[in-house]
């Protein structure tokens, strides 16, 4: 079993691919639009697979994991373009959530 890449390794691999295969990054605004498009594709599958909608003819067989990976790909591109280290951002975000929400969900009667 191979070791999963770290976020830093994912960012480096995407950057290497962009520079060697993809020619260059799309602009940040284009990538934001592409991210929105990819999230929409993921939402379509979720609505049909787990929600109340049914698949249209020809829509069956879409790969949920592949759509999630597309979202991750574009998010990583945006992080690379804007100088965000996702490992550091993730750690800060986890700390923020832990401090802010340490009792919030436990005390939520809806859960």
PDB file of N, CA and C in Angstrom:
ATOM      1  N   UNK A   1       0.845  -1.184   0.000  1.00  0.00           N
ATOM      2  CA  UNK A   1       0.000   0.000   0.000  1.00  0.00           C
ATOM      3  C   UNK A   1       0.891   1.249   0.000  1.00  0.00           C
ATOM      4  N   UNK A   2       0.630   2.166  -0.915  1.00  0.00           N
ATOM      5  CA  UNK A   2       1.463   3.358  -1.007  1.00  0.00           C
ATOM      6  C   UNK A   2       1.029   4.406   0.008  1.00  0.00           C
ATOM      7  N   UNK A   3       1.982   5.214   0.398  1.00  0.00           N
ATOM      8  CA  UNK A   3       1.729   6.284   1.361  1.00  0.00           C
ATOM      9  C   UNK A   3       0.964   7.406   0.669  1.00  0.00           C
ATOM     10  N   UNK A   4      -0.040   7.924   1.331  1.00  0.00           N
ATOM     11  CA  UNK A   4      -0.803   9.039   0.775  1.00  0.00           C
ATOM     12  C   UNK A   4       0.053  10.300   0.774  1.00  0.00           C
ATOM     13  N   UNK A   5      -0.078  11.135  -0.263  1.00  0.00           N
ATOM     14  CA  UNK A   5       0.721  12.361  -0.299  1.00  0.00           C
ATOM     15  C   UNK A   5       0.219  13.378   0.723  1.00  0.00           C
ATOM     16  N   UNK A   6       1.144  14.151   1.242  1.00  0.00           N
ATOM     17  CA  UNK A   6       0.771  15.256   2.126  1.00  0.00           C
ATOM     18  C   UNK A   6       0.175  16.374   1.274  1.00  0.00           C
ATOM     19  N   UNK A   7      -0.448  17.341   1.929  1.00  0.00           N
ATOM     20  CA  UNK A   7      -0.966  18.491   1.181  1.00  0.00           C
ATOM     21  C   UNK A   7       0.156  19.228   0.456  1.00  0.00           C
ATOM     22  N   UNK A   8       1.315  19.335   1.102  1.00  0.00           N
ATOM     23  CA  UNK A   8       2.457  19.990   0.448  1.00  0.00           C
ATOM     24  C   UNK A   8       2.879  19.228  -0.796  1.00  0.00           C
ATOM     25  N   UNK A   9       2.866  17.892  -0.717  1.00  0.00           N
ATOM     26  CA  UNK A   9       3.216  17.077  -1.885  1.00  0.00           C
ATOM     27  C   UNK A   9       2.162  17.224  -2.982  1.00  0.00           C
ATOM     28  N   UNK A  10       0.908  17.297  -2.597  1.00  0.00           N
ATOM     29  CA  UNK A  10      -0.158  17.498  -3.590  1.00  0.00           C
ATOM     30  C   UNK A  10       0.046  18.839  -4.287  1.00  0.00           C
ATOM     31  N   UNK A  11       0.322  19.877  -3.511  1.00  0.00           N
ATOM     32  CA  UNK A  11       0.540  21.189  -4.110  1.00  0.00           C
ATOM     33  C   UNK A  11       1.732  21.159  -5.070  1.00  0.00           C
ATOM     34  N   UNK A  12       2.796  20.485  -4.689  1.00  0.00           N
ATOM     35  CA  UNK A  12       3.989  20.402  -5.543  1.00  0.00           C
ATOM     36  C   UNK A  12       3.699  19.596  -6.804  1.00  0.00           C
ATOM     37  N   UNK A  13       2.958  18.511  -6.678  1.00  0.00           N
ATOM     38  CA  UNK A  13       2.639  17.677  -7.848  1.00  0.00           C
ATOM     39  C   UNK A  13       1.757  18.421  -8.840  1.00  0.00           C
ATOM     40  N   UNK A  14       0.778  19.151  -8.337  1.00  0.00           N
ATOM     41  CA  UNK A  14      -0.075  19.934  -9.228  1.00  0.00           C
ATOM     42  C   UNK A  14       0.757  21.005  -9.933  1.00  0.00           C
ATOM     43  N   UNK A  15       1.618  21.678  -9.183  1.00  0.00           N
ATOM     44  CA  UNK A  15       2.454  22.724  -9.782  1.00  0.00           C
ATOM     45  C   UNK A  15       3.369  22.146 -10.857  1.00  0.00           C
ATOM     46  N   UNK A  16       3.964  21.004 -10.578  1.00  0.00           N
ATOM     47  CA  UNK A  16       4.834  20.354 -11.570  1.00  0.00           C
ATOM     48  C   UNK A  16       4.041  19.989 -12.820  1.00  0.00           C
ATOM     49  N   UNK A  17       2.859  19.453 -12.649  1.00  0.00           N
ATOM     50  CA  UNK A  17       2.025  19.088 -13.793  1.00  0.00           C
ATOM     51  C   UNK A  17       1.660  20.319 -14.623  1.00  0.00           C
ATOM     52  N   UNK A  18       1.281  21.382 -13.930  1.00  0.00           N
ATOM     53  CA  UNK A  18       0.913  22.622 -14.635  1.00  0.00           C
ATOM     54  C   UNK A  18       2.097  23.117 -15.461  1.00  0.00           C
ATOM     55  N   UNK A  19       3.288  23.116 -14.875  1.00  0.00           N
ATOM     56  CA  UNK A  19       4.473  23.651 -15.576  1.00  0.00           C
ATOM     57  C   UNK A  19       4.944  22.748 -16.710  1.00  0.00           C
ATOM     58  N   UNK A  20       4.701  21.425 -16.623  1.00  0.00           N
ATOM     59  CA  UNK A  20       5.245  20.521 -17.635  1.00  0.00           C
ATOM     60  C   UNK A  20       4.208  20.039 -18.650  1.00  0.00           C
ATOM     61  N   UNK A  21       2.954  19.936 -18.240  1.00  0.00           N
ATOM     62  CA  UNK A  21       1.910  19.424 -19.128  1.00  0.00           C
ATOM     63  C   UNK A  21       0.879  20.503 -19.444  1.00  0.00           C
ATOM     64  N   UNK A  22       0.487  21.223 -18.449  1.00  0.00           N
ATOM     65  CA  UNK A  22      -0.599  22.188 -18.595  1.00  0.00           C
ATOM     66  C   UNK A  22      -0.193  23.537 -19.150  1.00  0.00           C
ATOM     67  N   UNK A  23       1.068  23.762 -19.379  1.00  0.00           N
ATOM     68  CA  UNK A  23       1.642  24.997 -19.929  1.00  0.00           C
ATOM     69  C   UNK A  23       1.674  26.121 -18.903  1.00  0.00           C
ATOM     70  N   UNK A  24       0.522  26.506 -18.359  1.00  0.00           N
ATOM     71  CA  UNK A  24       0.488  27.557 -17.337  1.00  0.00           C
ATOM     72  C   UNK A  24      -0.830  27.461 -16.592  1.00  0.00           C
ATOM     73  N   UNK A  25      -0.892  28.142 -15.449  1.00  0.00           N
ATOM     74  CA  UNK A  25      -2.142  28.224 -14.708  1.00  0.00           C
ATOM     75  C   UNK A  25      -3.114  29.117 -15.475  1.00  0.00           C
ATOM     76  N   UNK A  26      -4.407  28.774 -15.407  1.00  0.00           N
ATOM     77  CA  UNK A  26      -5.423  29.723 -15.834  1.00  0.00           C
ATOM     78  C   UNK A  26      -5.389  30.877 -14.840  1.00  0.00           C
ATOM     79  N   UNK A  27      -5.970  32.012 -15.190  1.00  0.00           N
ATOM     80  CA  UNK A  27      -6.008  33.135 -14.248  1.00  0.00           C
ATOM     81  C   UNK A  27      -6.782  32.729 -12.991  1.00  0.00           C
ATOM     82  N   UNK A  28      -6.536  33.447 -11.926  1.00  0.00           N
ATOM     83  CA  UNK A  28      -7.213  33.159 -10.660  1.00  0.00           C
ATOM     84  C   UNK A  28      -8.729  33.244 -10.811  1.00  0.00           C
ATOM     85  N   UNK A  29      -9.209  34.250 -11.545  1.00  0.00           N
ATOM     86  CA  UNK A  29     -10.653  34.386 -11.718  1.00  0.00           C
ATOM     87  C   UNK A  29     -11.226  33.259 -12.576  1.00  0.00           C
ATOM     88  N   UNK A  30     -10.479  32.842 -13.594  1.00  0.00           N
ATOM     89  CA  UNK A  30     -10.926  31.693 -14.388  1.00  0.00           C
ATOM     90  C   UNK A  30     -10.981  30.451 -13.516  1.00  0.00           C
ATOM     91  N   UNK A  31      -9.944  30.239 -12.712  1.00  0.00           N
ATOM     92  CA  UNK A  31      -9.950  29.062 -11.845  1.00  0.00           C
ATOM     93  C   UNK A  31     -11.059  29.124 -10.805  1.00  0.00           C
ATOM     94  N   UNK A  32     -11.424  30.318 -10.350  1.00  0.00           N
ATOM     95  CA  UNK A  32     -12.553  30.429  -9.420  1.00  0.00           C
ATOM     96  C   UNK A  32     -13.837  29.998 -10.118  1.00  0.00           C
ATOM     97  N   UNK A  33     -14.003  30.394 -11.368  1.00  0.00           N
ATOM     98  CA  UNK A  33     -15.181  29.979 -12.134  1.00  0.00           C
ATOM     99  C   UNK A  33     -15.159  28.464 -12.373  1.00  0.00           C
ATOM    100  N   UNK A  34     -13.982  27.916 -12.675  1.00  0.00           N
ATOM    101  CA  UNK A  34     -13.852  26.469 -12.885  1.00  0.00           C
ATOM    102  C   UNK A  34     -14.163  25.726 -11.590  1.00  0.00           C
ATOM    103  N   UNK A  35     -13.705  26.251 -10.450  1.00  0.00           N
ATOM    104  CA  UNK A  35     -14.002  25.625  -9.163  1.00  0.00           C
ATOM    105  C   UNK A  35     -15.518  25.570  -8.934  1.00  0.00           C
ATOM    106  N   UNK A  36     -16.182  26.663  -9.231  1.00  0.00           N
ATOM    107  CA  UNK A  36     -17.635  26.712  -9.080  1.00  0.00           C
ATOM    108  C   UNK A  36     -18.304  25.678  -9.981  1.00  0.00           C
ATOM    109  N   UNK A  37     -17.811  25.561 -11.197  1.00  0.00           N
ATOM    110  CA  UNK A  37     -18.337  24.563 -12.133  1.00  0.00           C
ATOM    111  C   UNK A  37     -18.139  23.144 -11.597  1.00  0.00           C
ATOM    112  N   UNK A  38     -16.946  22.869 -11.093  1.00  0.00           N
ATOM    113  CA  UNK A  38     -16.659  21.528 -10.577  1.00  0.00           C
ATOM    114  C   UNK A  38     -17.499  21.205  -9.348  1.00  0.00           C
ATOM    115  N   UNK A  39     -17.707  22.192  -8.474  1.00  0.00           N
ATOM    116  CA  UNK A  39     -18.565  21.971  -7.306  1.00  0.00           C
ATOM    117  C   UNK A  39     -19.994  21.692  -7.775  1.00  0.00           C
ATOM    118  N   UNK A  40     -20.426  22.366  -8.828  1.00  0.00           N
ATOM    119  CA  UNK A  40     -21.751  22.103  -9.385  1.00  0.00           C
ATOM    120  C   UNK A  40     -21.882  20.686  -9.910  1.00  0.00           C
ATOM    121  N   UNK A  41     -20.830  20.187 -10.566  1.00  0.00           N
ATOM    122  CA  UNK A  41     -20.857  18.809 -11.062  1.00  0.00           C
ATOM    123  C   UNK A  41     -20.931  17.818  -9.897  1.00  0.00           C
ATOM    124  N   UNK A  42     -20.200  18.108  -8.836  1.00  0.00           N
ATOM    125  CA  UNK A  42     -20.258  17.267  -7.639  1.00  0.00           C
ATOM    126  C   UNK A  42     -21.656  17.326  -7.027  1.00  0.00           C
ATOM    127  N   UNK A  43     -22.231  18.516  -6.960  1.00  0.00           N
ATOM    128  CA  UNK A  43     -23.566  18.681  -6.392  1.00  0.00           C
ATOM    129  C   UNK A  43     -24.604  17.919  -7.199  1.00  0.00           C
ATOM    130  N   UNK A  44     -24.455  17.897  -8.518  1.00  0.00           N
ATOM    131  CA  UNK A  44     -25.400  17.176  -9.369  1.00  0.00           C
ATOM    132  C   UNK A  44     -25.409  15.684  -9.013  1.00  0.00           C
ATOM    133  N   UNK A  45     -24.219  15.110  -8.871  1.00  0.00           N
ATOM    134  CA  UNK A  45     -24.143  13.689  -8.517  1.00  0.00           C
ATOM    135  C   UNK A  45     -24.722  13.448  -7.128  1.00  0.00           C
ATOM    136  N   UNK A  46     -24.377  14.296  -6.173  1.00  0.00           N
ATOM    137  CA  UNK A  46     -24.881  14.133  -4.808  1.00  0.00           C
ATOM    138  C   UNK A  46     -26.404  14.212  -4.779  1.00  0.00           C
ATOM    139  N   UNK A  47     -26.987  15.158  -5.517  1.00  0.00           N
ATOM    140  CA  UNK A  47     -28.438  15.329  -5.536  1.00  0.00           C
ATOM    141  C   UNK A  47     -29.134  14.108  -6.117  1.00  0.00           C
ATOM    142  N   UNK A  48     -28.472  13.460  -7.074  1.00  0.00           N
ATOM    143  CA  UNK A  48     -29.082  12.312  -7.711  1.00  0.00           C
ATOM    144  C   UNK A  48     -28.808  11.008  -6.962  1.00  0.00           C
ATOM    145  N   UNK A  49     -27.612  10.896  -6.409  1.00  0.00           N
ATOM    146  CA  UNK A  49     -27.244   9.655  -5.728  1.00  0.00           C
ATOM    147  C   UNK A  49     -27.784   9.596  -4.297  1.00  0.00           C
ATOM    148  N   UNK A  50     -27.791  10.742  -3.613  1.00  0.00           N
ATOM    149  CA  UNK A  50     -28.195  10.759  -2.207  1.00  0.00           C
ATOM    150  C   UNK A  50     -29.448  11.592  -1.944  1.00  0.00           C
ATOM    151  N   UNK A  51     -29.839  12.388  -2.919  1.00  0.00           N
ATOM    152  CA  UNK A  51     -31.003  13.256  -2.753  1.00  0.00           C
ATOM    153  C   UNK A  51     -32.227  12.707  -3.455  1.00  0.00           C
ATOM    154  N   UNK A  52     -33.127  13.597  -3.743  1.00  0.00           N
ATOM    155  CA  UNK A  52     -34.423  13.210  -4.279  1.00  0.00           C
ATOM    156  C   UNK A  52     -34.481  13.200  -5.804  1.00  0.00           C
ATOM    157  N   UNK A  53     -33.470  13.725  -6.466  1.00  0.00           N
ATOM    158  CA  UNK A  53     -33.494  13.740  -7.919  1.00  0.00           C
ATOM    159  C   UNK A  53     -33.052  12.401  -8.484  1.00  0.00           C
ATOM    160  N   UNK A  54     -33.496  12.129  -9.700  1.00  0.00           N
ATOM    161  CA  UNK A  54     -33.066  10.909 -10.384  1.00  0.00           C
ATOM    162  C   UNK A  54     -32.085  11.288 -11.492  1.00  0.00           C
ATOM    163  N   UNK A  55     -31.279  10.321 -11.884  1.00  0.00           N
ATOM    164  CA  UNK A  55     -30.326  10.553 -12.967  1.00  0.00           C
ATOM    165  C   UNK A  55     -31.072  10.695 -14.283  1.00  0.00           C
ATOM    166  N   UNK A  56     -30.605  11.602 -15.117  1.00  0.00           N
ATOM    167  CA  UNK A  56     -31.118  11.732 -16.482  1.00  0.00           C
ATOM    168  C   UNK A  56     -30.433  10.682 -17.334  1.00  0.00           C
ATOM    169  N   UNK A  57     -30.988  10.407 -18.502  1.00  0.00           N
ATOM    170  CA  UNK A  57     -30.380   9.449 -19.426  1.00  0.00           C
ATOM    171  C   UNK A  57     -28.956   9.886 -19.735  1.00  0.00           C
ATOM    172  N   UNK A  58     -28.017   8.961 -19.605  1.00  0.00           N
ATOM    173  CA  UNK A  58     -26.618   9.265 -19.893  1.00  0.00           C
ATOM    174  C   UNK A  58     -25.823   9.793 -18.717  1.00  0.00           C
ATOM    175  N   UNK A  59     -26.482  10.119 -17.621  1.00  0.00           N
ATOM    176  CA  UNK A  59     -25.779  10.650 -16.443  1.00  0.00           C
ATOM    177  C   UNK A  59     -25.289   9.555 -15.503  1.00  0.00           C
ATOM    178  N   UNK A  60     -25.827   8.368 -15.621  1.00  0.00           N
ATOM    179  CA  UNK A  60     -25.453   7.297 -14.711  1.00  0.00           C
ATOM    180  C   UNK A  60     -23.967   6.978 -14.843  1.00  0.00           C
ATOM    181  N   UNK A  61     -23.407   6.467 -13.787  1.00  0.00           N
ATOM    182  CA  UNK A  61     -22.028   6.012 -13.834  1.00  0.00           C
ATOM    183  C   UNK A  61     -20.987   7.094 -13.581  1.00  0.00           C
ATOM    184  N   UNK A  62     -21.410   8.288 -13.216  1.00  0.00           N
ATOM    185  CA  UNK A  62     -20.436   9.331 -12.889  1.00  0.00           C
ATOM    186  C   UNK A  62     -19.719   8.934 -11.599  1.00  0.00           C
ATOM    187  N   UNK A  63     -18.445   9.216 -11.545  1.00  0.00           N
ATOM    188  CA  UNK A  63     -17.601   8.812 -10.423  1.00  0.00           C
ATOM    189  C   UNK A  63     -17.540   9.937  -9.391  1.00  0.00           C
ATOM    190  N   UNK A  64     -18.150   9.709  -8.244  1.00  0.00           N
ATOM    191  CA  UNK A  64     -18.187  10.707  -7.174  1.00  0.00           C
ATOM    192  C   UNK A  64     -16.781  11.102  -6.742  1.00  0.00           C
ATOM    193  N   UNK A  65     -15.907  10.117  -6.568  1.00  0.00           N
ATOM    194  CA  UNK A  65     -14.529  10.407  -6.156  1.00  0.00           C
ATOM    195  C   UNK A  65     -13.783  11.237  -7.177  1.00  0.00           C
ATOM    196  N   UNK A  66     -14.005  10.968  -8.456  1.00  0.00           N
ATOM    197  CA  UNK A  66     -13.355  11.739  -9.509  1.00  0.00           C
ATOM    198  C   UNK A  66     -13.814  13.192  -9.479  1.00  0.00           C
ATOM    199  N   UNK A  67     -15.086  13.403  -9.232  1.00  0.00           N
ATOM    200  CA  UNK A  67     -15.599  14.778  -9.152  1.00  0.00           C
ATOM    201  C   UNK A  67     -15.023  15.498  -7.929  1.00  0.00           C
ATOM    202  N   UNK A  68     -14.889  14.791  -6.818  1.00  0.00           N
ATOM    203  CA  UNK A  68     -14.264  15.401  -5.637  1.00  0.00           C
ATOM    204  C   UNK A  68     -12.807  15.742  -5.921  1.00  0.00           C
ATOM    205  N   UNK A  69     -12.114  14.865  -6.638  1.00  0.00           N
ATOM    206  CA  UNK A  69     -10.719  15.124  -6.988  1.00  0.00           C
ATOM    207  C   UNK A  69     -10.604  16.329  -7.917  1.00  0.00           C
ATOM    208  N   UNK A  70     -11.576  16.521  -8.817  1.00  0.00           N
ATOM    209  CA  UNK A  70     -11.579  17.713  -9.672  1.00  0.00           C
ATOM    210  C   UNK A  70     -11.679  18.981  -8.832  1.00  0.00           C
ATOM    211  N   UNK A  71     -12.546  18.953  -7.809  1.00  0.00           N
ATOM    212  CA  UNK A  71     -12.686  20.103  -6.914  1.00  0.00           C
ATOM    213  C   UNK A  71     -11.367  20.356  -6.192  1.00  0.00           C
ATOM    214  N   UNK A  72     -10.762  19.293  -5.674  1.00  0.00           N
ATOM    215  CA  UNK A  72      -9.479  19.417  -4.979  1.00  0.00           C
ATOM    216  C   UNK A  72      -8.409  19.987  -5.903  1.00  0.00           C
ATOM    217  N   UNK A  73      -8.356  19.488  -7.130  1.00  0.00           N
ATOM    218  CA  UNK A  73      -7.363  19.944  -8.111  1.00  0.00           C
ATOM    219  C   UNK A  73      -7.417  21.463  -8.294  1.00  0.00           C
ATOM    220  N   UNK A  74      -8.618  21.977  -8.559  1.00  0.00           N
ATOM    221  CA  UNK A  74      -8.745  23.415  -8.828  1.00  0.00           C
ATOM    222  C   UNK A  74      -8.474  24.218  -7.559  1.00  0.00           C
ATOM    223  N   UNK A  75      -8.894  23.708  -6.406  1.00  0.00           N
ATOM    224  CA  UNK A  75      -8.600  24.385  -5.145  1.00  0.00           C
ATOM    225  C   UNK A  75      -7.093  24.467  -4.914  1.00  0.00           C
ATOM    226  N   UNK A  76      -6.389  23.390  -5.219  1.00  0.00           N
ATOM    227  CA  UNK A  76      -4.927  23.382  -5.089  1.00  0.00           C
ATOM    228  C   UNK A  76      -4.303  24.377  -6.071  1.00  0.00           C
ATOM    229  N   UNK A  77      -4.827  24.440  -7.281  1.00  0.00           N
ATOM    230  CA  UNK A  77      -4.326  25.433  -8.239  1.00  0.00           C
ATOM    231  C   UNK A  77      -4.470  26.839  -7.667  1.00  0.00           C
ATOM    232  N   UNK A  78      -5.629  27.143  -7.109  1.00  0.00           N
ATOM    233  CA  UNK A  78      -5.849  28.473  -6.531  1.00  0.00           C
ATOM    234  C   UNK A  78      -4.905  28.732  -5.360  1.00  0.00           C
ATOM    235  N   UNK A  79      -4.683  27.733  -4.533  1.00  0.00           N
ATOM    236  CA  UNK A  79      -3.748  27.893  -3.418  1.00  0.00           C
ATOM    237  C   UNK A  79      -2.349  28.182  -3.943  1.00  0.00           C
ATOM    238  N   UNK A  80      -1.922  27.426  -4.940  1.00  0.00           N
ATOM    239  CA  UNK A  80      -0.592  27.650  -5.516  1.00  0.00           C
ATOM    240  C   UNK A  80      -0.476  29.050  -6.105  1.00  0.00           C
ATOM    241  N   UNK A  81      -1.484  29.479  -6.811  1.00  0.00           N
ATOM    242  CA  UNK A  81      -1.444  30.781  -7.466  1.00  0.00           C
ATOM    243  C   UNK A  81      -1.425  31.940  -6.485  1.00  0.00           C
ATOM    244  N   UNK A  82      -2.063  31.760  -5.347  1.00  0.00           N
ATOM    245  CA  UNK A  82      -2.195  32.860  -4.389  1.00  0.00           C
ATOM    246  C   UNK A  82      -1.220  32.750  -3.221  1.00  0.00           C
ATOM    247  N   UNK A  83      -0.338  31.748  -3.263  1.00  0.00           N
ATOM    248  CA  UNK A  83       0.692  31.617  -2.239  1.00  0.00           C
ATOM    249  C   UNK A  83       0.200  31.044  -0.919  1.00  0.00           C
ATOM    250  N   UNK A  84      -0.893  30.300  -0.950  1.00  0.00           N
ATOM    251  CA  UNK A  84      -1.420  29.697   0.271  1.00  0.00           C
ATOM    252  C   UNK A  84      -0.805  28.318   0.461  1.00  0.00           C
ATOM    253  N   UNK A  85      -0.198  28.097   1.621  1.00  0.00           N
ATOM    254  CA  UNK A  85       0.291  26.779   2.000  1.00  0.00           C
ATOM    255  C   UNK A  85      -0.884  26.073   2.663  1.00  0.00           C
ATOM    256  N   UNK A  86      -1.452  25.089   1.970  1.00  0.00           N
ATOM    257  CA  UNK A  86      -2.658  24.434   2.474  1.00  0.00           C
ATOM    258  C   UNK A  86      -2.427  23.668   3.770  1.00  0.00           C
ATOM    259  N   UNK A  87      -1.227  23.158   3.984  1.00  0.00           N
ATOM    260  CA  UNK A  87      -0.941  22.470   5.245  1.00  0.00           C
ATOM    261  C   UNK A  87      -1.067  23.440   6.408  1.00  0.00           C
ATOM    262  N   UNK A  88      -0.421  24.597   6.286  1.00  0.00           N
ATOM    263  CA  UNK A  88      -0.484  25.602   7.349  1.00  0.00           C
ATOM    264  C   UNK A  88      -1.906  26.132   7.511  1.00  0.00           C
ATOM    265  N   UNK A  89      -2.588  26.388   6.402  1.00  0.00           N
ATOM    266  CA  UNK A  89      -3.958  26.897   6.466  1.00  0.00           C
ATOM    267  C   UNK A  89      -4.878  25.876   7.130  1.00  0.00           C
ATOM    268  N   UNK A  90      -4.697  24.596   6.787  1.00  0.00           N
ATOM    269  CA  UNK A  90      -5.516  23.539   7.379  1.00  0.00           C
ATOM    270  C   UNK A  90      -5.289  23.457   8.887  1.00  0.00           C
ATOM    271  N   UNK A  91      -4.037  23.503   9.315  1.00  0.00           N
ATOM    272  CA  UNK A  91      -3.733  23.427  10.754  1.00  0.00           C
ATOM    273  C   UNK A  91      -4.345  24.608  11.499  1.00  0.00           C
ATOM    274  N   UNK A  92      -4.225  25.814  10.947  1.00  0.00           N
ATOM    275  CA  UNK A  92      -4.831  26.994  11.590  1.00  0.00           C
ATOM    276  C   UNK A  92      -6.348  26.840  11.664  1.00  0.00           C
ATOM    277  N   UNK A  93      -6.939  26.312  10.594  1.00  0.00           N
ATOM    278  CA  UNK A  93      -8.384  26.144  10.533  1.00  0.00           C
ATOM    279  C   UNK A  93      -8.855  25.111  11.554  1.00  0.00           C
ATOM    280  N   UNK A  94      -8.100  24.011  11.692  1.00  0.00           N
ATOM    281  CA  UNK A  94      -8.462  22.994  12.686  1.00  0.00           C
ATOM    282  C   UNK A  94      -8.385  23.568  14.099  1.00  0.00           C
ATOM    283  N   UNK A  95      -7.347  24.348  14.375  1.00  0.00           N
ATOM    284  CA  UNK A  95      -7.226  24.986  15.692  1.00  0.00           C
ATOM    285  C   UNK A  95      -8.410  25.909  15.950  1.00  0.00           C
ATOM    286  N   UNK A  96      -8.760  26.714  14.938  1.00  0.00           N
ATOM    287  CA  UNK A  96      -9.886  27.642  15.075  1.00  0.00           C
ATOM    288  C   UNK A  96     -11.170  26.877  15.366  1.00  0.00           C
ATOM    289  N   UNK A  97     -11.433  25.835  14.601  1.00  0.00           N
ATOM    290  CA  UNK A  97     -12.657  25.054  14.792  1.00  0.00           C
ATOM    291  C   UNK A  97     -12.679  24.368  16.161  1.00  0.00           C
ATOM    292  N   UNK A  98     -11.534  23.858  16.583  1.00  0.00           N
ATOM    293  CA  UNK A  98     -11.462  23.165  17.871  1.00  0.00           C
ATOM    294  C   UNK A  98     -11.769  24.123  19.011  1.00  0.00           C
ATOM    295  N   UNK A  99     -11.187  25.311  18.967  1.00  0.00           N
ATOM    296  CA  UNK A  99     -11.428  26.280  20.035  1.00  0.00           C
ATOM    297  C   UNK A  99     -12.861  26.801  20.003  1.00  0.00           C
ATOM    298  N   UNK A 100     -13.347  27.112  18.816  1.00  0.00           N
ATOM    299  CA  UNK A 100     -14.666  27.712  18.681  1.00  0.00           C
ATOM    300  C   UNK A 100     -15.782  26.700  18.962  1.00  0.00           C
ATOM    301  N   UNK A 101     -15.588  25.471  18.545  1.00  0.00           N
ATOM    302  CA  UNK A 101     -16.682  24.504  18.540  1.00  0.00           C
ATOM    303  C   UNK A 101     -16.507  23.349  19.522  1.00  0.00           C
ATOM    304  N   UNK A 102     -15.598  23.486  20.487  1.00  0.00           N
ATOM    305  CA  UNK A 102     -15.318  22.329  21.345  1.00  0.00           C
ATOM    306  C   UNK A 102     -16.542  21.850  22.102  1.00  0.00           C
ATOM    307  N   UNK A 103     -17.483  22.718  22.421  1.00  0.00           N
ATOM    308  CA  UNK A 103     -18.702  22.289  23.109  1.00  0.00           C
ATOM    309  C   UNK A 103     -19.956  22.484  22.260  1.00  0.00           C
ATOM    310  N   UNK A 104     -19.837  23.232  21.195  1.00  0.00           N
ATOM    311  CA  UNK A 104     -20.999  23.613  20.382  1.00  0.00           C
ATOM    312  C   UNK A 104     -21.787  22.398  19.882  1.00  0.00           C
ATOM    313  N   UNK A 105     -21.119  21.452  19.274  1.00  0.00           N
ATOM    314  CA  UNK A 105     -21.823  20.304  18.687  1.00  0.00           C
ATOM    315  C   UNK A 105     -22.261  19.311  19.764  1.00  0.00           C
ATOM    316  N   UNK A 106     -21.446  19.159  20.762  1.00  0.00           N
ATOM    317  CA  UNK A 106     -21.783  18.247  21.868  1.00  0.00           C
ATOM    318  C   UNK A 106     -23.052  18.703  22.574  1.00  0.00           C
ATOM    319  N   UNK A 107     -23.249  20.026  22.636  1.00  0.00           N
ATOM    320  CA  UNK A 107     -24.413  20.588  23.344  1.00  0.00           C
ATOM    321  C   UNK A 107     -25.588  20.885  22.408  1.00  0.00           C
ATOM    322  N   UNK A 108     -25.497  20.479  21.184  1.00  0.00           N
ATOM    323  CA  UNK A 108     -26.557  20.727  20.205  1.00  0.00           C
ATOM    324  C   UNK A 108     -27.626  19.639  20.328  1.00  0.00           C
ATOM    325  N   UNK A 109     -28.824  19.972  20.777  1.00  0.00           N
ATOM    326  CA  UNK A 109     -29.864  18.948  20.931  1.00  0.00           C
ATOM    327  C   UNK A 109     -30.317  18.357  19.596  1.00  0.00           C
ATOM    328  N   UNK A 110     -30.036  19.002  18.500  1.00  0.00           N
ATOM    329  CA  UNK A 110     -30.414  18.494  17.179  1.00  0.00           C
ATOM    330  C   UNK A 110     -29.524  17.322  16.751  1.00  0.00           C
ATOM    331  N   UNK A 111     -28.374  17.221  17.371  1.00  0.00           N
ATOM    332  CA  UNK A 111     -27.448  16.140  17.017  1.00  0.00           C
ATOM    333  C   UNK A 111     -27.647  15.010  17.959  1.00  0.00           C
TER     334      UNK A 111
END
